[in-house]
C-alpha atoms as a PDB file:
ATOM      1  CA  UNK A   1      77.600  64.072 154.723  1.00  0.00           C
ATOM      2  CA  UNK A   2      75.392  62.574 157.290  1.00  0.00           C
ATOM      3  CA  UNK A   3      74.048  60.479 155.033  1.00  0.00           C
ATOM      4  CA  UNK A   4      77.205  59.288 153.637  1.00  0.00           C
ATOM      5  CA  UNK A   5      78.450  58.409 157.235  1.00  0.00           C
ATOM      6  CA  UNK A   6      75.323  56.475 157.876  1.00  0.00           C
ATOM      7  CA  UNK A   7      75.447  54.508 154.574  1.00  0.00           C
ATOM      8  CA  UNK A   8      79.267  53.830 155.346  1.00  0.00           C
ATOM      9  CA  UNK A   9      78.384  52.616 158.724  1.00  0.00           C
ATOM     10  CA  UNK A  10      75.586  50.429 157.373  1.00  0.00           C
ATOM     11  CA  UNK A  11      77.832  48.954 154.528  1.00  0.00           C
ATOM     12  CA  UNK A  12      80.469  48.091 157.206  1.00  0.00           C
ATOM     13  CA  UNK A  13      77.975  46.513 159.496  1.00  0.00           C
ATOM     14  CA  UNK A  14      76.779  44.493 156.607  1.00  0.00           C
ATOM     15  CA  UNK A  15      80.084  43.413 155.720  1.00  0.00           C
ATOM     16  CA  UNK A  16      80.710  42.208 158.938  1.00  0.00           C
ATOM     17  CA  UNK A  17      77.637  40.187 159.134  1.00  0.00           C
ATOM     18  CA  UNK A  18      78.370  38.524 155.867  1.00  0.00           C
ATOM     19  CA  UNK A  19      81.809  37.726 156.584  1.00  0.00           C
ATOM     20  CA  UNK A  20      81.021  36.188 160.082  1.00  0.00           C
ATOM     21  CA  UNK A  21      78.186  33.965 158.333  1.00  0.00           C
ATOM     22  CA  UNK A  22      80.864  33.100 155.594  1.00  0.00           C
ATOM     23  CA  UNK A  23      83.497  32.074 158.216  1.00  0.00           C
ATOM     24  CA  UNK A  24      81.043  30.328 160.406  1.00  0.00           C
ATOM     25  CA  UNK A  25      79.839  27.929 157.759  1.00  0.00           C
ATOM     26  CA  UNK A  26      81.563  24.771 157.849  1.00  0.00           C
ATOM     27  CA  UNK A  27      83.689  23.788 154.549  1.00  0.00           C
ATOM     28  CA  UNK A  28      83.955  19.760 154.158  1.00  0.00           C
ATOM     29  CA  UNK A  29      87.062  18.852 152.491  1.00  0.00           C
ATOM     30  CA  UNK A  30      87.934  15.592 151.126  1.00  0.00           C
ATOM     31  CA  UNK A  31      90.825  15.431 153.835  1.00  0.00           C
ATOM     32  CA  UNK A  32      88.270  15.196 156.436  1.00  0.00           C
ATOM     33  CA  UNK A  33      86.429  12.222 154.798  1.00  0.00           C
ATOM     34  CA  UNK A  34      89.503   9.866 154.534  1.00  0.00           C
ATOM     35  CA  UNK A  35      89.738   6.974 156.948  1.00  0.00           C
ATOM     36  CA  UNK A  36      87.316   4.614 158.977  1.00  0.00           C
ATOM     37  CA  UNK A  37      83.944   5.790 160.352  1.00  0.00           C
ATOM     38  CA  UNK A  38      82.255   3.480 162.584  1.00  0.00           C
ATOM     39  CA  UNK A  39      78.211   3.756 162.441  1.00  0.00           C
ATOM     40  CA  UNK A  40      77.396   5.209 166.078  1.00  0.00           C
ATOM     41  CA  UNK A  41      73.714   5.318 165.680  1.00  0.00           C
ATOM     42  CA  UNK A  42      70.381   7.015 164.072  1.00  0.00           C
ATOM     43  CA  UNK A  43      69.830  10.452 165.284  1.00  0.00           C
ATOM     44  CA  UNK A  44      66.343  10.947 166.494  1.00  0.00           C
ATOM     45  CA  UNK A  45      64.795  14.247 166.066  1.00  0.00           C
ATOM     46  CA  UNK A  46      64.575  17.133 163.210  1.00  0.00           C
ATOM     47  CA  UNK A  47      67.466  17.817 160.873  1.00  0.00           C
ATOM     48  CA  UNK A  48      70.055  15.707 162.652  1.00  0.00           C
ATOM     49  CA  UNK A  49      69.416  17.449 166.022  1.00  0.00           C
ATOM     50  CA  UNK A  50      68.663  15.159 168.820  1.00  0.00           C
ATOM     51  CA  UNK A  51      69.330  11.767 170.530  1.00  0.00           C
ATOM     52  CA  UNK A  52      71.252   9.209 168.949  1.00  0.00           C
ATOM     53  CA  UNK A  53      69.609   5.644 168.972  1.00  0.00           C
ATOM     54  CA  UNK A  54      72.554   3.254 169.170  1.00  0.00           C
ATOM     55  CA  UNK A  55      73.267   1.250 166.122  1.00  0.00           C
ATOM     56  CA  UNK A  56      73.096  -2.609 166.528  1.00  0.00           C
ATOM     57  CA  UNK A  57      76.242  -3.903 165.132  1.00  0.00           C
ATOM     58  CA  UNK A  58      75.961  -7.075 162.892  1.00  0.00           C
ATOM     59  CA  UNK A  59      78.291  -8.974 165.183  1.00  0.00           C
ATOM     60  CA  UNK A  60      79.422  -6.810 167.996  1.00  0.00           C
ATOM     61  CA  UNK A  61      81.969  -9.332 169.422  1.00  0.00           C
ATOM     62  CA  UNK A  62      83.671  -9.435 166.241  1.00  0.00           C
ATOM     63  CA  UNK A  63      84.036  -5.532 165.378  1.00  0.00           C
ATOM     64  CA  UNK A  64      81.963  -2.627 164.819  1.00  0.00           C
ATOM     65  CA  UNK A  65      80.152  -2.019 161.366  1.00  0.00           C
ATOM     66  CA  UNK A  66      82.021   0.879 159.624  1.00  0.00           C
ATOM     67  CA  UNK A  67      82.730   2.502 156.154  1.00  0.00           C
ATOM     68  CA  UNK A  68      86.230   3.217 155.272  1.00  0.00           C
ATOM     69  CA  UNK A  69      87.005   6.246 152.578  1.00  0.00           C
ATOM     70  CA  UNK A  70      90.124   6.180 150.616  1.00  0.00           C
ATOM     71  CA  UNK A  71      92.300   8.724 149.073  1.00  0.00           C
ATOM     72  CA  UNK A  72      91.684   6.946 145.753  1.00  0.00           C
ATOM     73  CA  UNK A  73      87.735   7.951 146.214  1.00  0.00           C
ATOM     74  CA  UNK A  74      86.881   4.050 146.619  1.00  0.00           C
ATOM     75  CA  UNK A  75      85.162   3.101 149.905  1.00  0.00           C
ATOM     76  CA  UNK A  76      83.959   0.070 151.445  1.00  0.00           C
ATOM     77  CA  UNK A  77      81.284  -0.727 153.921  1.00  0.00           C
ATOM     78  CA  UNK A  78      82.056  -3.493 156.170  1.00  0.00           C
ATOM     79  CA  UNK A  79      79.860  -5.473 158.420  1.00  0.00           C
ATOM     80  CA  UNK A  80      80.461  -9.010 160.161  1.00  0.00           C
ATOM     81  CA  UNK A  81      79.062 -12.311 159.978  1.00  0.00           C
ATOM     82  CA  UNK A  82      78.384 -14.467 163.191  1.00  0.00           C
ATOM     83  CA  UNK A  83      81.697 -16.200 162.519  1.00  0.00           C
ATOM     84  CA  UNK A  84      83.501 -12.973 162.345  1.00  0.00           C
ATOM     85  CA  UNK A  85      84.263 -12.887 158.694  1.00  0.00           C
ATOM     86  CA  UNK A  86      83.984  -9.465 157.270  1.00  0.00           C
ATOM     87  CA  UNK A  87      81.159  -8.673 154.382  1.00  0.00           C
ATOM     88  CA  UNK A  88      82.344  -5.791 152.481  1.00  0.00           C
ATOM     89  CA  UNK A  89      80.496  -3.866 150.133  1.00  0.00           C
ATOM     90  CA  UNK A  90      82.731  -1.654 147.788  1.00  0.00           C
ATOM     91  CA  UNK A  91      81.857   1.404 145.834  1.00  0.00           C
ATOM     92  CA  UNK A  92      83.418   4.964 144.812  1.00  0.00           C
ATOM     93  CA  UNK A  93      82.621   8.310 146.381  1.00  0.00           C
ATOM     94  CA  UNK A  94      82.842  11.977 145.390  1.00  0.00           C
ATOM     95  CA  UNK A  95      82.317  15.049 147.624  1.00  0.00           C
ATOM     96  CA  UNK A  96      80.812  18.250 146.227  1.00  0.00           C
ATOM     97  CA  UNK A  97      80.503  20.923 148.607  1.00  0.00           C
ATOM     98  CA  UNK A  98      78.487  19.121 151.687  1.00  0.00           C
ATOM     99  CA  UNK A  99      77.180  16.333 149.466  1.00  0.00           C
ATOM    100  CA  UNK A 100      78.672  12.876 149.700  1.00  0.00           C
ATOM    101  CA  UNK A 101      77.579  10.862 146.377  1.00  0.00           C
ATOM    102  CA  UNK A 102      78.393   7.068 147.010  1.00  0.00           C
ATOM    103  CA  UNK A 103      78.234   5.245 143.703  1.00  0.00           C
ATOM    104  CA  UNK A 104      78.188   1.469 142.769  1.00  0.00           C
ATOM    105  CA  UNK A 105      77.348   0.567 139.159  1.00  0.00           C
ATOM    106  CA  UNK A 106      74.404   2.394 138.043  1.00  0.00           C
ATOM    107  CA  UNK A 107      73.144   3.226 141.612  1.00  0.00           C
ATOM    108  CA  UNK A 108      74.180   6.530 143.425  1.00  0.00           C
ATOM    109  CA  UNK A 109      72.962   7.394 146.938  1.00  0.00           C
ATOM    110  CA  UNK A 110      73.695  10.976 148.207  1.00  0.00           C
ATOM    111  CA  UNK A 111      74.584  11.747 151.935  1.00  0.00           C
ATOM    112  CA  UNK A 112      74.233  15.529 153.061  1.00  0.00           C
ATOM    113  CA  UNK A 113      76.880  16.195 155.487  1.00  0.00           C
ATOM    114  CA  UNK A 114      75.607  18.161 158.235  1.00  0.00           C
ATOM    115  CA  UNK A 115      78.858  18.541 160.226  1.00  0.00           C
ATOM    116  CA  UNK A 116      82.062  16.821 160.844  1.00  0.00           C
ATOM    117  CA  UNK A 117      83.433  17.987 164.412  1.00  0.00           C
ATOM    118  CA  UNK A 118      85.508  16.500 167.131  1.00  0.00           C
ATOM    119  CA  UNK A 119      85.676  13.108 165.138  1.00  0.00           C
ATOM    120  CA  UNK A 120      82.018  12.839 164.794  1.00  0.00           C
ATOM    121  CA  UNK A 121      80.195  12.973 161.360  1.00  0.00           C
ATOM    122  CA  UNK A 122      76.239  13.621 161.095  1.00  0.00           C
ATOM    123  CA  UNK A 123      74.874  12.886 157.714  1.00  0.00           C
ATOM    124  CA  UNK A 124      71.461  12.981 156.125  1.00  0.00           C
ATOM    125  CA  UNK A 125      70.959   9.696 154.120  1.00  0.00           C
ATOM    126  CA  UNK A 126      68.344   9.874 151.292  1.00  0.00           C
ATOM    127  CA  UNK A 127      65.636   7.103 152.246  1.00  0.00           C
ATOM    128  CA  UNK A 128      65.182   6.347 148.538  1.00  0.00           C
ATOM    129  CA  UNK A 129      67.039   7.454 145.370  1.00  0.00           C
ATOM    130  CA  UNK A 130      63.894   9.654 144.614  1.00  0.00           C
ATOM    131  CA  UNK A 131      63.068  11.100 147.711  1.00  0.00           C
ATOM    132  CA  UNK A 132      63.446  14.285 149.388  1.00  0.00           C
ATOM    133  CA  UNK A 133      63.175  12.576 153.159  1.00  0.00           C
ATOM    134  CA  UNK A 134      66.510  11.805 154.957  1.00  0.00           C
ATOM    135  CA  UNK A 135      67.504   9.617 157.802  1.00  0.00           C
ATOM    136  CA  UNK A 136      70.114  10.974 159.938  1.00  0.00           C
ATOM    137  CA  UNK A 137      72.968   9.121 161.111  1.00  0.00           C
ATOM    138  CA  UNK A 138      75.864   9.628 163.390  1.00  0.00           C
ATOM    139  CA  UNK A 139      79.319   8.116 162.751  1.00  0.00           C
ATOM    140  CA  UNK A 140      82.451   8.374 164.724  1.00  0.00           C
ATOM    141  CA  UNK A 141      85.898   8.372 163.208  1.00  0.00           C
ATOM    142  CA  UNK A 142      88.269   5.453 164.319  1.00  0.00           C
ATOM    143  CA  UNK A 143      91.582   6.704 165.781  1.00  0.00           C
END
């Protein structure tokens, strides 16, 4: 009887730990990606934790460099020339769990989304397509 009580208590504790871990893990949804994301900067530190080195926008007087993700799973990266004309690079995107795959033609780049909280998205971007190393970047959602 005592063994059964201890086993039951252990299973309940294990269930609570599993439930709390599951509920704390962030689930990224496609809806949270939709919109315009301005580049804040590169995160200096390990695994996306640390100081954000501000991004030098291509033409700050014209607008901030940004990426726009649409509900049709297309996107465009926008930078500005000195004369304030936009330079747009269009591609498609797909979200699988916390991996955002950006594709243009035969080339794909994967972003590992660390978090999306309070209008800020932190992503680890592959340095090269065949690389395990990532550069961590912070984006702010435009209101």
